[in-house]
Amino acid sequence: MSWMLVAAVLLATAGLLVLGVLAIRLWLDVRALAKGVDTAARALASAAEDLADAVPGRA
């Protein structure tokens, strides 16, 4: 009966390790996505400013 307890603890530990690895991968992907969104937002803001400057008669 004690081997079942050891197996259950090992299985739970392995599950937690897998969840931890997946959480770290998700965090890294979210950071990369946030960096991409920031870059795109800055490019859009710059383009909008250039467009506003190009329109004659607008101050």
N, C-alpha and C. Protein backbone atom coordinates (compact mmCIF):
# COMPACT_ATOMS: atom_id res chain seq x y z
N MET A 1 0.82 -1.19 0.00
CA MET A 1 0.00 0.00 0.00
C MET A 1 0.87 1.26 0.00
N SER A 2 2.05 1.21 0.58
CA SER A 2 2.89 2.40 0.64
C SER A 2 3.42 2.78 -0.74
N TRP A 3 3.57 1.78 -1.64
CA TRP A 3 4.05 2.11 -2.99
C TRP A 3 3.03 2.93 -3.75
N MET A 4 1.73 2.75 -3.44
CA MET A 4 0.70 3.57 -4.08
C MET A 4 0.80 5.02 -3.62
N LEU A 5 1.12 5.21 -2.36
CA LEU A 5 1.29 6.56 -1.84
C LEU A 5 2.49 7.23 -2.49
N VAL A 6 3.59 6.50 -2.62
CA VAL A 6 4.79 7.04 -3.27
C VAL A 6 4.49 7.36 -4.73
N ALA A 7 3.78 6.49 -5.42
CA ALA A 7 3.43 6.73 -6.82
C ALA A 7 2.54 7.96 -6.95
N ALA A 8 1.58 8.12 -6.03
CA ALA A 8 0.70 9.28 -6.08
C ALA A 8 1.47 10.58 -5.85
N VAL A 9 2.40 10.56 -4.92
CA VAL A 9 3.21 11.75 -4.65
C VAL A 9 4.10 12.07 -5.85
N LEU A 10 4.72 11.05 -6.44
CA LEU A 10 5.56 11.28 -7.62
C LEU A 10 4.75 11.80 -8.80
N LEU A 11 3.56 11.26 -8.98
CA LEU A 11 2.70 11.72 -10.07
C LEU A 11 2.26 13.16 -9.84
N ALA A 12 1.91 13.51 -8.63
CA ALA A 12 1.52 14.88 -8.31
C ALA A 12 2.69 15.84 -8.50
N THR A 13 3.88 15.43 -8.09
CA THR A 13 5.07 16.26 -8.27
C THR A 13 5.37 16.47 -9.74
N ALA A 14 5.28 15.42 -10.53
CA ALA A 14 5.52 15.54 -11.97
C ALA A 14 4.48 16.46 -12.60
N GLY A 15 3.24 16.36 -12.18
CA GLY A 15 2.19 17.23 -12.70
C GLY A 15 2.46 18.69 -12.37
N LEU A 16 2.90 18.95 -11.16
CA LEU A 16 3.21 20.33 -10.78
C LEU A 16 4.40 20.86 -11.56
N LEU A 17 5.39 20.03 -11.80
CA LEU A 17 6.54 20.45 -12.60
C LEU A 17 6.12 20.78 -14.03
N VAL A 18 5.26 19.96 -14.61
CA VAL A 18 4.78 20.24 -15.97
C VAL A 18 3.99 21.55 -16.00
N LEU A 19 3.13 21.76 -15.02
CA LEU A 19 2.38 23.01 -14.95
C LEU A 19 3.30 24.21 -14.78
N GLY A 20 4.34 24.06 -14.01
CA GLY A 20 5.30 25.14 -13.83
C GLY A 20 6.02 25.49 -15.11
N VAL A 21 6.44 24.48 -15.85
CA VAL A 21 7.11 24.71 -17.14
C VAL A 21 6.16 25.40 -18.11
N LEU A 22 4.93 24.94 -18.16
CA LEU A 22 3.95 25.57 -19.06
C LEU A 22 3.68 27.03 -18.65
N ALA A 23 3.63 27.30 -17.37
CA ALA A 23 3.41 28.67 -16.91
C ALA A 23 4.57 29.57 -17.30
N ILE A 24 5.77 29.08 -17.20
CA ILE A 24 6.94 29.88 -17.58
C ILE A 24 6.92 30.14 -19.09
N ARG A 25 6.61 29.13 -19.89
CA ARG A 25 6.53 29.34 -21.34
C ARG A 25 5.45 30.34 -21.68
N LEU A 26 4.30 30.27 -21.01
CA LEU A 26 3.22 31.22 -21.25
C LEU A 26 3.65 32.63 -20.90
N TRP A 27 4.34 32.80 -19.78
CA TRP A 27 4.81 34.11 -19.35
C TRP A 27 5.79 34.70 -20.38
N LEU A 28 6.68 33.87 -20.90
CA LEU A 28 7.63 34.35 -21.91
C LEU A 28 6.91 34.74 -23.20
N ASP A 29 5.91 33.97 -23.60
CA ASP A 29 5.15 34.30 -24.81
C ASP A 29 4.35 35.59 -24.62
N VAL A 30 3.79 35.78 -23.45
CA VAL A 30 3.04 37.01 -23.18
C VAL A 30 3.97 38.21 -23.20
N ARG A 31 5.18 38.07 -22.66
CA ARG A 31 6.15 39.17 -22.71
C ARG A 31 6.50 39.52 -24.14
N ALA A 32 6.73 38.50 -24.97
CA ALA A 32 7.06 38.75 -26.38
C ALA A 32 5.89 39.41 -27.10
N LEU A 33 4.67 38.96 -26.83
CA LEU A 33 3.50 39.56 -27.45
C LEU A 33 3.33 41.01 -27.01
N ALA A 34 3.53 41.28 -25.74
CA ALA A 34 3.40 42.65 -25.24
C ALA A 34 4.44 43.57 -25.89
N LYS A 35 5.64 43.05 -26.09
CA LYS A 35 6.68 43.84 -26.76
C LYS A 35 6.28 44.13 -28.20
N GLY A 36 5.71 43.16 -28.89
CA GLY A 36 5.24 43.36 -30.26
C GLY A 36 4.10 44.35 -30.34
N VAL A 37 3.17 44.27 -29.41
CA VAL A 37 2.05 45.21 -29.38
C VAL A 37 2.55 46.62 -29.10
N ASP A 38 3.51 46.77 -28.22
CA ASP A 38 4.07 48.09 -27.92
C ASP A 38 4.75 48.68 -29.16
N THR A 39 5.51 47.86 -29.86
CA THR A 39 6.18 48.32 -31.08
C THR A 39 5.16 48.75 -32.13
N ALA A 40 4.11 47.97 -32.31
CA ALA A 40 3.08 48.31 -33.29
C ALA A 40 2.33 49.58 -32.89
N ALA A 41 2.05 49.75 -31.62
CA ALA A 41 1.35 50.95 -31.16
C ALA A 41 2.20 52.19 -31.37
N ARG A 42 3.50 52.08 -31.12
CA ARG A 42 4.38 53.23 -31.35
C ARG A 42 4.45 53.56 -32.84
N ALA A 43 4.50 52.53 -33.69
CA ALA A 43 4.54 52.76 -35.14
C ALA A 43 3.25 53.41 -35.61
N LEU A 44 2.11 52.96 -35.10
CA LEU A 44 0.83 53.56 -35.47
C LEU A 44 0.74 55.01 -35.00
N ALA A 45 1.19 55.29 -33.82
CA ALA A 45 1.16 56.66 -33.31
C ALA A 45 2.06 57.56 -34.15
N SER A 46 3.20 57.07 -34.53
CA SER A 46 4.11 57.85 -35.37
C SER A 46 3.49 58.09 -36.75
N ALA A 47 2.88 57.06 -37.31
CA ALA A 47 2.24 57.21 -38.62
C ALA A 47 1.07 58.19 -38.56
N ALA A 48 0.30 58.14 -37.49
CA ALA A 48 -0.81 59.06 -37.34
C ALA A 48 -0.32 60.50 -37.21
N GLU A 49 0.76 60.68 -36.50
CA GLU A 49 1.35 62.02 -36.37
C GLU A 49 1.86 62.52 -37.71
N ASP A 50 2.53 61.67 -38.46
CA ASP A 50 3.00 62.05 -39.80
C ASP A 50 1.83 62.39 -40.71
N LEU A 51 0.76 61.63 -40.64
CA LEU A 51 -0.41 61.89 -41.46
C LEU A 51 -1.07 63.22 -41.07
N ALA A 52 -1.15 63.48 -39.78
CA ALA A 52 -1.73 64.74 -39.34
C ALA A 52 -0.88 65.93 -39.78
N ASP A 53 0.43 65.75 -39.78
CA ASP A 53 1.31 66.82 -40.22
C ASP A 53 1.21 67.05 -41.73
N ALA A 54 0.86 66.02 -42.49
CA ALA A 54 0.80 66.11 -43.95
C ALA A 54 -0.48 66.76 -44.46
N VAL A 55 -1.51 66.80 -43.62
CA VAL A 55 -2.79 67.37 -44.05
C VAL A 55 -2.69 68.88 -44.01
N PRO A 56 -2.91 69.54 -45.17
CA PRO A 56 -2.81 71.01 -45.19
C PRO A 56 -4.00 71.67 -44.49
N GLY A 57 -3.73 72.78 -43.85
CA GLY A 57 -4.79 73.55 -43.20
C GLY A 57 -5.21 73.05 -41.84
N ARG A 58 -4.53 72.06 -41.31
CA ARG A 58 -4.86 71.56 -39.97
C ARG A 58 -3.77 71.96 -39.01
N ALA A 59 -4.14 72.41 -37.88
CA ALA A 59 -3.12 72.83 -36.91
C ALA A 59 -3.05 71.86 -35.76
